[in-house]
Protein backbone atom coordinates (compact mmCIF):
# COMPACT_ATOMS: atom_id res chain seq x y z
CA MET A 1 -3.10 3.52 0.79
CA ARG A 2 -1.53 2.47 -2.37
CA ARG A 3 1.64 4.35 -3.15
CA LEU A 4 2.61 5.28 -6.63
CA ALA A 5 5.64 3.71 -8.12
CA THR A 6 7.97 6.29 -9.48
CA THR A 7 11.41 5.62 -10.86
CA GLY A 8 13.12 7.44 -8.02
CA ALA A 9 10.90 6.76 -5.09
CA ALA A 10 10.68 3.36 -6.15
CA ALA A 11 7.90 3.82 -4.98
CA ALA A 12 5.92 6.29 -4.24
CA ALA A 13 3.95 3.86 -5.90
CA ALA A 14 1.18 5.44 -6.53
CA ILE A 15 0.09 3.92 -4.47
CA ALA A 16 0.64 2.60 -2.22
CA LEU A 17 0.31 2.75 -4.15
CA THR A 18 0.95 1.78 -3.23
CA LEU A 19 1.63 -2.18 -5.44
CA ALA A 20 1.99 -5.78 -5.87
CA GLY A 21 0.66 -8.62 -7.80
CA CYS A 22 0.54 -12.32 -7.47
CA SER A 23 -1.92 -15.03 -8.04
CA SER A 24 -3.53 -17.64 -5.89
CA GLY A 25 -1.66 -20.07 -8.06
CA SER A 26 1.64 -18.85 -6.64
CA GLY A 27 0.53 -19.34 -3.08
CA ASP A 28 1.66 -22.89 -2.43
CA GLY A 29 5.27 -21.94 -1.87
CA ALA A 30 7.13 -18.87 -0.79
CA GLY A 31 9.98 -19.12 -3.27
CA GLY A 32 12.87 -16.71 -2.99
CA ALA A 33 16.02 -16.83 -0.94
CA GLY A 34 15.69 -19.50 1.70
CA SER A 35 18.15 -19.42 4.58
CA ASN A 36 18.71 -20.55 8.12
CA SER A 37 19.00 -16.98 9.27
CA ALA A 38 17.27 -13.74 8.51
CA GLY A 39 19.80 -11.12 9.45
CA GLY A 40 19.78 -9.24 12.70
CA SER A 41 16.02 -9.02 12.83
CA ALA A 42 15.39 -12.74 12.90
CA SER A 43 15.46 -15.01 15.89
CA ALA A 44 16.89 -18.50 15.82
CA SER A 45 13.64 -20.27 16.63
CA SER A 46 10.00 -19.64 17.37
CA GLY A 47 10.82 -18.88 20.97
CA GLY A 48 9.79 -15.50 22.32
CA ALA A 49 6.15 -15.87 21.37
CA ALA A 50 3.62 -16.72 24.00
CA ALA A 51 3.46 -20.34 25.03
CA ALA A 52 1.72 -22.49 22.48
CA SER A 53 -1.81 -23.50 23.28
CA SER A 54 -3.96 -26.29 21.95
CA ALA A 55 -4.54 -25.66 18.26
CA GLY A 56 -8.29 -26.05 18.58
CA ALA A 57 -10.77 -25.27 15.86
CA SER A 58 -9.00 -22.07 14.83
CA ALA A 59 -5.93 -24.05 13.72
CA ALA A 60 -7.88 -26.82 12.00
CA GLY A 61 -6.48 -27.65 8.60
CA ALA A 62 -3.05 -26.17 9.25
CA PRO A 63 -0.09 -28.27 8.08
CA ALA A 64 1.52 -30.29 10.87
CA SER A 65 4.86 -28.62 10.10
CA LEU A 66 3.35 -25.27 11.09
CA ALA A 67 1.62 -26.48 14.26
CA LYS A 68 3.95 -24.55 16.57
CA PHE A 69 2.99 -21.32 14.81
CA TYR A 70 -0.73 -22.03 14.59
CA GLY A 71 -0.78 -23.09 18.24
CA GLN A 72 0.42 -19.73 19.56
CA LYS A 73 -1.60 -17.79 22.09
CA LEU A 74 -1.08 -14.03 22.01
CA ASP A 75 0.22 -12.56 25.26
CA TRP A 76 -1.53 -9.19 25.31
CA LYS A 77 0.07 -6.33 27.22
CA ASP A 78 -0.99 -2.77 27.98
CA CYS A 79 0.66 -0.47 25.42
CA GLY A 80 -1.01 2.87 26.05
CA PRO A 81 -4.15 3.36 23.98
CA VAL A 82 -3.94 -0.23 22.69
CA GLU A 83 -3.09 -3.73 23.81
CA CYS A 84 -0.10 -5.21 22.03
CA ALA A 85 1.49 -8.60 21.47
CA LYS A 86 4.05 -10.40 19.32
CA LEU A 87 3.31 -13.12 16.79
CA THR A 88 6.08 -15.47 15.67
CA VAL A 89 6.16 -16.60 12.02
CA PRO A 90 8.75 -18.40 9.89
CA VAL A 91 10.91 -16.33 7.56
CA ASP A 92 10.42 -19.02 4.90
CA TYR A 93 7.23 -21.08 5.04
CA SER A 94 8.91 -23.87 3.13
CA LYS A 95 11.45 -24.12 5.99
CA PRO A 96 9.33 -23.91 9.14
CA ASP A 97 12.19 -25.15 11.31
CA GLY A 98 14.44 -22.36 10.11
CA ALA A 99 14.71 -18.72 11.11
CA THR A 100 11.74 -16.82 12.49
CA ILE A 101 10.70 -13.22 13.01
CA GLN A 102 8.18 -11.57 15.29
CA LEU A 103 5.32 -9.44 14.00
CA ALA A 104 3.97 -6.55 16.06
CA VAL A 105 0.22 -6.89 16.68
CA ASP A 106 -2.18 -4.57 18.47
CA ARG A 107 -5.87 -4.34 19.20
CA VAL A 108 -8.50 -1.90 20.38
CA LYS A 109 -11.03 -4.00 22.22
CA ALA A 110 -14.73 -3.88 21.37
CA THR A 111 -16.57 -1.26 23.40
CA GLY A 112 -19.84 -3.22 23.46
CA LYS A 113 -21.07 -6.77 22.99
CA ARG A 114 -18.24 -8.48 21.13
CA LYS A 115 -18.86 -10.33 17.85
CA GLY A 116 -15.23 -11.19 17.21
CA ALA A 117 -12.00 -9.70 15.85
CA LEU A 118 -11.68 -7.54 12.73
CA VAL A 119 -8.17 -7.43 11.24
CA VAL A 120 -7.42 -4.21 9.35
CA ASN A 121 -4.72 -3.09 6.90
CA PRO A 122 -4.40 0.39 5.33
CA GLY A 123 -2.25 -0.51 2.31
CA GLY A 124 1.20 0.50 1.16
CA PRO A 125 2.87 -1.84 0.70
CA GLY A 126 4.79 -0.85 3.77
CA ALA A 127 2.18 1.06 5.78
CA SER A 128 1.81 0.26 9.46
CA GLY A 129 -1.33 -1.70 10.26
CA TYR A 130 -0.41 -1.39 13.93
CA ASP A 131 -0.63 2.41 13.81
CA TYR A 132 -3.76 2.21 11.68
CA ALA A 133 -5.66 0.03 14.14
CA ALA A 134 -4.62 2.32 17.00
CA TYR A 135 -6.57 5.19 15.39
CA THR A 136 -9.74 3.26 16.21
CA ALA A 137 -9.45 4.61 19.74
CA GLU A 138 -9.69 8.13 18.27
CA GLY A 139 -12.83 7.44 16.29
CA PHE A 140 -11.25 6.53 12.95
CA VAL A 141 -10.80 3.34 10.89
CA VAL A 142 -14.29 1.95 11.56
CA SER A 143 -17.61 3.40 12.69
CA LYS A 144 -18.62 3.50 16.35
CA LYS A 145 -21.09 0.67 15.69
CA VAL A 146 -18.37 -1.57 14.30
CA ALA A 147 -15.92 -0.57 17.05
CA SER A 148 -18.57 -1.57 19.57
CA ALA A 149 -18.92 -5.03 18.06
CA TYR A 150 -15.36 -5.96 17.08
CA ASP A 151 -11.90 -5.98 18.54
CA VAL A 152 -10.05 -4.01 15.86
CA VAL A 153 -6.71 -5.73 15.28
CA GLY A 154 -3.73 -4.37 13.38
CA PHE A 155 -0.28 -5.69 12.59
CA ASP A 156 2.87 -4.48 10.91
CA PRO A 157 3.49 -6.89 8.01
CA ARG A 158 6.84 -8.63 7.77
CA GLY A 159 9.57 -6.13 6.91
CA VAL A 160 7.51 -3.13 8.05
CA GLN A 161 8.18 -0.74 10.92
CA ARG A 162 8.02 -2.85 14.13
CA SER A 163 8.14 -6.24 12.38
CA ALA A 164 11.78 -6.86 11.40
CA PRO A 165 11.84 -3.63 9.33
CA ILE A 166 13.74 -3.55 6.07
CA THR A 167 16.04 -0.53 5.90
CA CYS A 168 18.11 -0.29 2.75
CA VAL A 169 19.73 3.15 2.95
CA ASP A 170 20.09 5.98 5.45
CA ASP A 171 17.77 8.99 5.52
CA LYS A 172 20.04 11.21 3.42
CA ALA A 173 20.37 8.59 0.69
CA LEU A 174 16.63 7.99 0.75
CA ASP A 175 16.05 11.73 0.30
CA GLY A 176 18.16 11.63 -2.83
CA PHE A 177 16.41 8.53 -4.14
CA ILE A 178 12.89 9.94 -3.69
CA GLY A 179 13.83 13.33 -5.04
CA SER A 180 15.54 12.01 -8.16
CA ASP A 181 14.29 12.67 -11.70
CA PRO A 182 11.03 10.71 -12.28
CA THR A 183 10.93 11.51 -16.01
CA PRO A 184 14.30 10.70 -17.60
CA ASP A 185 14.26 12.20 -21.08
CA THR A 186 17.81 11.69 -22.30
CA ALA A 187 19.94 8.56 -22.63
CA ALA A 188 22.20 9.80 -19.85
CA GLU A 189 19.24 10.38 -17.51
CA GLU A 190 17.86 6.94 -18.31
CA GLN A 191 21.14 5.29 -17.42
CA GLN A 192 21.34 7.33 -14.25
CA ALA A 193 17.84 6.17 -13.27
CA ALA A 194 18.75 2.54 -13.96
CA THR A 195 21.94 2.82 -11.90
CA SER A 196 20.13 4.52 -9.01
CA ASN A 197 17.46 1.83 -8.88
CA ARG A 198 20.00 -0.97 -9.23
CA ASP A 199 22.08 0.45 -6.37
CA PHE A 200 18.99 0.76 -4.20
CA GLY A 201 18.05 -2.87 -4.80
CA THR A 202 21.57 -4.03 -4.04
CA ALA A 203 21.55 -2.06 -0.78
CA CYS A 204 18.26 -3.71 0.21
CA GLN A 205 19.61 -7.16 -0.53
CA THR A 206 22.81 -6.49 1.39
CA LYS A 207 21.31 -4.88 4.48
CA GLY A 208 18.02 -6.76 4.61
CA GLY A 209 19.48 -10.24 4.43
CA PRO A 210 17.35 -13.28 3.59
CA LEU A 211 14.13 -11.62 4.79
CA VAL A 212 14.21 -9.38 1.71
CA GLY A 213 13.43 -12.47 -0.33
CA HIS A 214 10.44 -13.32 1.86
CA VAL A 215 8.21 -10.27 2.12
CA SER A 216 5.83 -11.19 -0.70
CA THR A 217 2.10 -10.71 -0.37
CA VAL A 218 1.59 -14.48 -0.39
CA GLU A 219 3.80 -14.75 2.70
CA VAL A 220 1.97 -11.86 4.37
CA ALA A 221 -1.35 -13.61 3.68
CA LYS A 222 0.01 -16.76 5.32
CA ASP A 223 1.05 -14.67 8.32
CA VAL A 224 -2.50 -13.35 8.50
CA ASP A 225 -3.84 -16.89 8.77
CA VAL A 226 -1.44 -17.62 11.63
CA LEU A 227 -2.74 -14.41 13.24
CA ARG A 228 -6.33 -15.54 12.74
CA ALA A 229 -5.59 -18.77 14.59
CA ALA A 230 -3.76 -16.94 17.39
CA LEU A 231 -6.80 -14.69 17.81
CA GLY A 232 -8.93 -17.81 18.28
CA GLU A 233 -11.08 -17.04 15.23
CA ASP A 234 -12.42 -19.87 13.04
CA LYS A 235 -12.79 -17.40 10.17
CA LEU A 236 -11.02 -14.15 9.36
CA ASN A 237 -12.98 -10.91 9.43
CA TYR A 238 -11.01 -8.35 7.48
CA LEU A 239 -11.04 -4.72 6.30
CA GLY A 240 -8.36 -3.96 3.70
CA LYS A 241 -7.87 -0.68 1.91
CA SER A 242 -5.78 -0.05 -1.21
CA TYR A 243 -2.86 -2.52 -1.24
CA GLY A 244 -4.57 -4.07 1.79
CA THR A 245 -7.15 -5.38 -0.68
CA PHE A 246 -4.42 -7.38 -2.38
CA ILE A 247 -3.49 -8.98 0.93
CA GLY A 248 -7.18 -9.76 1.36
CA SER A 249 -7.79 -11.24 -2.09
CA THR A 250 -4.58 -13.28 -1.82
CA TYR A 251 -5.76 -14.62 1.54
CA ALA A 252 -9.16 -15.46 0.06
CA GLY A 253 -7.48 -17.34 -2.77
CA LEU A 254 -5.32 -19.35 -0.37
CA PHE A 255 -7.91 -19.93 2.35
CA PRO A 256 -11.41 -19.45 0.87
CA GLN A 257 -13.11 -21.55 3.53
CA ARG A 258 -11.71 -19.28 6.24
CA VAL A 259 -13.12 -16.06 4.79
CA GLY A 260 -15.50 -14.34 7.22
CA ARG A 261 -16.77 -10.77 6.75
CA PHE A 262 -14.43 -9.33 4.12
CA VAL A 263 -14.38 -5.69 2.94
CA LEU A 264 -11.91 -4.76 0.17
CA ASP A 265 -11.96 -0.99 -0.45
CA GLY A 266 -9.96 0.55 -3.32
CA VAL A 267 -8.82 -2.55 -5.13
CA VAL A 268 -5.47 -3.66 -6.47
CA PRO A 269 -6.53 -6.53 -8.78
CA PRO A 270 -4.38 -9.66 -8.48
CA ASP A 271 -4.20 -10.28 -12.22
CA ILE A 272 -2.98 -6.84 -13.28
CA THR A 273 0.36 -6.58 -15.11
CA SER A 274 3.01 -3.97 -14.36
CA THR A 275 2.18 -2.04 -17.53
CA GLU A 276 -1.55 -2.11 -16.79
CA MET A 277 -0.90 -0.95 -13.27
CA ASN A 278 1.28 1.96 -14.27
CA LEU A 279 -1.12 3.08 -17.00
CA GLY A 280 -4.16 2.66 -14.76
CA GLN A 281 -2.62 4.85 -12.09
CA ALA A 282 -1.49 7.41 -14.65
CA LYS A 283 -5.04 7.72 -15.94
CA GLY A 284 -6.41 7.71 -12.38
CA PHE A 285 -4.17 10.53 -11.22
CA GLU A 286 -4.83 12.45 -14.42
CA GLN A 287 -8.57 12.26 -13.81
CA ALA A 288 -8.19 13.17 -10.13
CA THR A 289 -5.98 16.15 -10.96
CA GLN A 290 -8.51 17.35 -13.51
CA SER A 291 -11.19 17.18 -10.81
CA TYR A 292 -8.96 19.20 -8.50
CA VAL A 293 -8.27 21.85 -11.15
CA ARG A 294 -11.99 22.05 -11.99
CA ASP A 295 -12.74 22.71 -8.33
CA CYS A 296 -9.89 25.20 -8.04
CA VAL A 297 -11.21 27.20 -11.00
CA ALA A 298 -14.76 27.13 -9.60
CA GLN A 299 -13.54 28.49 -6.26
CA GLY A 300 -12.12 31.58 -7.94
CA GLY A 301 -8.63 33.02 -7.75
CA CYS A 302 -7.09 29.74 -8.89
CA PRO A 303 -3.34 30.09 -9.57
CA LEU A 304 -3.66 27.58 -12.41
CA GLY A 305 -5.80 29.72 -14.69
CA ASP A 306 -9.45 29.77 -15.69
CA SER A 307 -9.98 26.35 -17.28
CA VAL A 308 -9.14 22.71 -16.70
CA ASP A 309 -7.02 22.50 -19.83
CA SER A 310 -4.98 25.58 -18.97
CA GLY A 311 -4.59 24.39 -15.38
CA MET A 312 -3.28 20.99 -16.37
CA ALA A 313 -0.88 22.63 -18.82
CA ARG A 314 0.33 24.96 -16.05
CA ILE A 315 1.10 22.01 -13.76
CA ARG A 316 3.06 20.30 -16.54
CA LYS A 317 5.07 23.47 -17.22
CA PHE A 318 5.79 23.89 -13.51
CA LEU A 319 7.12 20.33 -13.22
CA LYS A 320 9.27 20.77 -16.32
CA ASP A 321 10.67 24.05 -14.98
CA ILE A 322 11.72 22.61 -11.63
CA ASP A 323 13.16 19.55 -13.36
CA ALA A 324 15.65 22.03 -14.80
CA LYS A 325 15.88 24.28 -11.74
CA PRO A 326 14.59 23.08 -8.33
CA LEU A 327 12.93 25.58 -6.01
CA PRO A 328 14.74 26.42 -2.77
CA VAL A 329 13.34 25.01 0.48
CA SER A 330 14.48 25.55 4.05
CA GLY A 331 14.21 23.69 7.34
CA ASN A 332 14.01 20.29 5.64
CA GLY A 333 17.15 18.53 6.77
CA ASP A 334 19.40 17.58 3.87
CA VAL A 335 16.81 18.51 1.25
CA LYS A 336 17.61 22.01 0.01
CA GLY A 337 15.60 22.04 -3.19
CA LEU A 338 12.12 21.03 -4.33
CA THR A 339 12.88 18.82 -7.30
CA GLU A 340 10.45 17.40 -9.82
CA GLY A 341 10.51 14.17 -7.84
CA TRP A 342 9.51 15.83 -4.57
CA ALA A 343 6.97 18.13 -6.23
CA THR A 344 5.30 15.21 -7.98
CA ILE A 345 4.63 13.31 -4.77
CA GLY A 346 3.52 16.54 -3.09
CA ILE A 347 0.83 16.96 -5.73
CA ALA A 348 0.01 13.25 -5.53
CA GLN A 349 -0.56 13.51 -1.78
CA ALA A 350 -3.38 15.99 -2.37
CA MET A 351 -5.12 13.63 -4.78
CA TYR A 352 -5.69 11.01 -2.09
CA GLU A 353 -8.09 13.16 -0.12
CA LYS A 354 -10.21 16.07 -1.26
CA SER A 355 -9.59 17.83 2.05
CA TYR A 356 -6.00 18.43 0.88
CA TRP A 357 -7.08 20.43 -2.18
CA PRO A 358 -7.00 23.86 -0.46
CA ASP A 359 -3.51 23.05 0.85
CA LEU A 360 -2.36 22.19 -2.67
CA THR A 361 -3.75 25.45 -4.03
CA ASP A 362 -1.83 27.40 -1.37
CA ALA A 363 1.30 25.35 -2.07
CA LEU A 364 1.11 25.98 -5.81
CA LYS A 365 0.58 29.71 -5.29
CA ALA A 366 3.71 29.80 -3.14
CA ALA A 367 5.68 27.64 -5.57
CA PHE A 368 4.77 29.81 -8.54
CA GLY A 369 6.18 32.66 -6.48
CA GLY A 370 9.46 30.81 -5.92
CA ASP A 371 8.78 29.23 -2.50
CA GLY A 372 8.77 25.43 -2.47
CA ASN A 373 8.28 24.91 1.26
CA LYS A 374 4.51 24.32 1.28
CA LEU A 375 4.63 21.78 -1.52
CA MET A 376 7.57 20.11 0.22
CA LYS A 377 5.39 19.81 3.32
CA LEU A 378 2.83 17.85 1.30
CA ALA A 379 5.61 15.67 -0.10
CA ASN A 380 6.89 14.99 3.41
CA SER A 381 3.43 13.84 4.42
CA TYR A 382 3.34 11.43 1.51
CA ALA A 383 6.76 9.99 2.30
CA GLU A 384 6.17 9.79 6.08
CA ARG A 385 9.12 12.16 6.42
CA ASN A 386 9.66 14.68 9.19
CA ALA A 387 10.86 18.19 8.49
CA ASN A 388 14.18 17.43 10.18
CA GLY A 389 14.89 14.79 7.56
CA SER A 390 14.04 11.68 9.58
CA TYR A 391 11.38 9.18 8.49
CA SER A 392 8.65 8.00 10.84
CA GLY A 393 8.27 4.67 9.03
CA ASN A 394 10.00 2.58 6.36
CA ILE A 395 7.23 2.53 3.77
CA MET A 396 9.40 4.19 1.11
CA GLN A 397 11.91 1.36 1.41
CA ALA A 398 9.75 -1.70 2.13
CA ILE A 399 7.35 -0.91 -0.71
CA ASN A 400 9.90 -1.90 -3.33
CA ALA A 401 10.91 -5.12 -1.63
CA VAL A 402 7.27 -6.24 -1.62
CA ASN A 403 6.35 -5.02 -5.09
CA CYS A 404 9.38 -6.56 -6.74
CA LEU A 405 8.74 -10.00 -5.25
CA ASP A 406 5.08 -9.89 -6.22
CA ARG A 407 5.58 -8.92 -9.85
CA SER A 408 8.50 -8.92 -12.25
CA ALA A 409 9.25 -6.02 -14.58
CA PRO A 410 11.45 -5.53 -17.65
CA SER A 411 14.97 -4.15 -17.43
CA ASP A 412 14.99 -2.94 -21.04
CA LEU A 413 15.03 0.86 -20.91
CA GLY A 414 13.50 0.96 -24.36
CA ALA A 415 10.31 -0.60 -23.02
CA TYR A 416 9.93 2.20 -20.48
CA ARG A 417 10.73 4.82 -23.08
CA ALA A 418 8.01 3.44 -25.34
CA ASP A 419 5.52 3.34 -22.46
CA ALA A 420 6.30 6.94 -21.56
CA LYS A 421 5.44 8.02 -25.08
CA SER A 422 2.28 5.92 -25.18
CA PHE A 423 1.10 6.87 -21.70
CA ALA A 424 1.54 10.57 -22.45
CA GLN A 425 -1.19 10.28 -25.08
CA GLN A 426 -3.67 9.09 -22.45
CA ALA A 427 -2.39 10.92 -19.38
CA PRO A 428 -0.20 13.87 -20.42
CA THR A 429 0.59 15.01 -16.88
CA TRP A 430 1.13 11.71 -15.06
CA GLY A 431 1.83 9.26 -17.86
CA PRO A 432 5.49 10.11 -18.56
CA MET A 433 6.34 9.73 -14.87
CA LEU A 434 4.36 6.59 -14.02
CA ALA A 435 5.56 4.83 -17.17
CA TRP A 436 8.92 4.48 -15.41
CA GLY A 437 7.31 3.25 -12.17
CA SER A 438 8.45 -0.38 -12.43
CA LEU A 439 12.08 0.28 -13.28
CA VAL A 440 13.16 -0.42 -9.72
CA CYS A 441 11.75 -3.95 -10.09
CA GLY A 442 13.40 -4.30 -13.47
CA GLU A 443 16.71 -3.71 -11.68
CA TRP A 444 15.85 -5.67 -8.51
CA PRO A 445 18.49 -8.30 -7.62
CA ILE A 446 16.03 -10.91 -6.31
CA LYS A 447 13.82 -12.80 -8.72
CA ALA A 448 10.07 -12.28 -8.31
CA THR A 449 8.21 -15.16 -6.68
CA GLY A 450 4.72 -14.08 -7.72
CA LYS A 451 2.98 -13.33 -10.98
CA PRO A 452 -0.34 -11.78 -11.99
CA GLY A 453 -3.27 -14.17 -11.91
CA ARG A 454 -7.02 -14.24 -11.36
CA ILE A 455 -8.39 -15.09 -7.93
CA THR A 456 -11.90 -16.51 -7.65
CA ALA A 457 -11.82 -17.64 -4.00
CA ALA A 458 -14.28 -20.41 -4.88
CA GLY A 459 -16.21 -21.54 -1.84
CA SER A 460 -15.74 -18.37 0.19
CA GLY A 461 -18.45 -16.41 1.91
CA PRO A 462 -19.60 -13.11 0.38
CA ILE A 463 -16.81 -10.56 -0.15
CA LEU A 464 -17.76 -6.87 -0.30
CA VAL A 465 -15.71 -4.91 -2.85
CA VAL A 466 -15.86 -1.09 -2.74
CA GLY A 467 -14.79 1.18 -5.59
CA THR A 468 -14.61 4.98 -5.95
CA THR A 469 -15.28 6.40 -9.42
CA ARG A 470 -12.50 9.00 -9.36
CA ASP A 471 -9.98 7.19 -7.18
CA PRO A 472 -6.49 8.23 -8.35
CA ALA A 473 -4.44 5.33 -6.99
CA THR A 474 -6.80 2.39 -7.43
CA PRO A 475 -9.12 3.24 -10.32
CA TYR A 476 -12.76 2.21 -10.08
CA GLU A 477 -12.35 -0.26 -12.94
CA TRP A 478 -10.00 -2.28 -10.75
CA SER A 479 -12.66 -2.78 -8.08
CA LYS A 480 -15.17 -3.86 -10.70
CA ARG A 481 -12.57 -6.19 -12.16
CA LEU A 482 -12.02 -8.04 -8.86
CA ALA A 483 -15.72 -8.16 -7.98
CA ASP A 484 -16.38 -9.82 -11.34
CA GLN A 485 -13.59 -12.38 -10.80
CA LEU A 486 -14.58 -13.44 -7.31
CA GLN A 487 -17.09 -16.25 -7.20
CA ASN A 488 -18.89 -14.50 -4.34
CA GLY A 489 -17.91 -10.86 -4.93
CA HIS A 490 -20.35 -7.99 -4.38
CA LEU A 491 -19.56 -4.49 -5.72
CA LEU A 492 -20.48 -1.27 -3.93
CA THR A 493 -19.89 1.87 -6.03
CA TYR A 494 -19.12 5.32 -4.64
CA ASP A 495 -19.41 8.21 -7.08
CA GLY A 496 -16.80 10.51 -5.62
CA ASP A 497 -13.23 11.78 -5.37
CA GLY A 498 -10.27 10.57 -3.34
CA HIS A 499 -8.72 7.25 -2.47
CA THR A 500 -11.06 4.61 -0.95
CA ALA A 501 -14.61 5.23 0.25
CA TYR A 502 -15.41 3.81 3.70
CA LEU A 503 -15.46 6.54 6.37
CA MET A 504 -14.53 9.14 3.75
CA GLY A 505 -17.72 11.20 4.03
CA SER A 506 -20.46 9.12 2.42
CA GLY A 507 -23.12 8.00 4.85
CA CYS A 508 -24.49 5.71 2.17
CA VAL A 509 -21.17 3.86 1.87
CA ASP A 510 -20.66 3.74 5.63
CA ASP A 511 -24.14 2.33 6.28
CA SER A 512 -23.67 -0.30 3.56
CA VAL A 513 -20.30 -1.45 4.90
CA ASP A 514 -21.50 -1.41 8.50
CA GLY A 515 -24.59 -3.41 7.59
CA TYR A 516 -22.40 -6.08 6.06
CA LEU A 517 -19.87 -6.20 8.90
CA LEU A 518 -22.53 -6.24 11.59
CA ASP A 519 -25.32 -8.30 10.04
CA GLY A 520 -23.74 -10.00 7.03
CA THR A 521 -26.11 -8.17 4.67
CA VAL A 522 -24.49 -7.43 1.31
CA PRO A 523 -25.70 -4.39 -0.65
CA ALA A 524 -28.18 -5.01 -3.45
CA ALA A 525 -26.67 -5.72 -6.86
CA GLY A 526 -25.73 -2.48 -8.59
CA LYS A 527 -25.79 -0.45 -5.35
CA ALA A 528 -24.26 2.99 -5.88
CA CYS A 529 -23.74 5.88 -3.47
């Protein structure tokens, strides 16, 4: 998924949105802080990977300086419901003889006649592709038909979870960062937000070492090509959702001739600016919240009132009230109060999937009665946080390191203040918050290595782009935008709610995606479900 970028959570990027941006034009070098070491998570050489094998066709075209990486053979081991392995990659691709790290890779083997490997990524930035692929064994991620034909392969991108994870602050400090005020409305609050984000960036730089300067999406895409070769695949078959689409489009821009069956669902367009991204997500979440309120009213007994307008106004009043006076919560580790920051991501969590809407209604009923625990539970789910205060992953930390390398942002507080005022006209509920979403990158201590730019992937095979009309985190217009840019892009439209479309309840979408993955048949032009 794509986390939303808020000023405190640095990220709860709306996405994922999850988000990042860089162009194919920035893909020839990895820029950033080069070094001969990468902190405690880096090894001194490429040792530790399986013995190198003959490069073969899968490594054809790789630079000679990277031969030892492209020549790897994965040493698969039994790891419970999956097979797992380690892939060695350089910290800095411009210094292949320097420090290396190991990426955690897993696969669920095809249950029938095997066509090849399908690499999957759920988004983030910072989500675990390893965990995501493992869900294939439980009937998720891809359909049974696709699981029968493909080994489903996942990996934790560099800096994420099992792959030299970036950890900037401890759990208590992260609680405070995520729960901080996402809508600074006084000069003092603005300065406090800037200081908080600056301190967070400094902590990441200090604790993460040189790797923090090398977790860009371009570098992840290069890792994916090393993985492709290690899997013995001449071309990459890929399913990316949310931010995972940005990894996919970046890969296609760098290696168009190696594009196999590519599905990009819920697009983050590579040429989008920080301001466009923040406004797009603000409008997307506004529309999704309106859809939720409309459904709540239709169900009867809605705690938000009897119309969409009154319901949206009630949510805004609630957030303003707890900005001034947080609601008490219990049994949540060091978090004792539901702040505006926590409540915002709790509501956001429910916008990703329609199945969460009843939970949000119950949570708002309780919150209006003074109990913040149910909404805090939704917020914990969003942040991958356990009720005891521990975090199951590092998405809320890694997301900023990736986003801020991929796209620069202004440090001028006046620019954010102006955006907040402008965004509020188009998205009254979400605009003032998401306008501040890039401040963490404005205060980031490491210069961005990427920049927004169009990707055409000229010479690639057909790429299937999927967009959902009321997607909160990756608005439908973004999917259309990428499909139009790609030389061989094909758009599949889903008229529905929630974030991404494949395996989200539409048989029409599922059949179209499966047909492409299994037979290479792209949907007819203008296909809508």
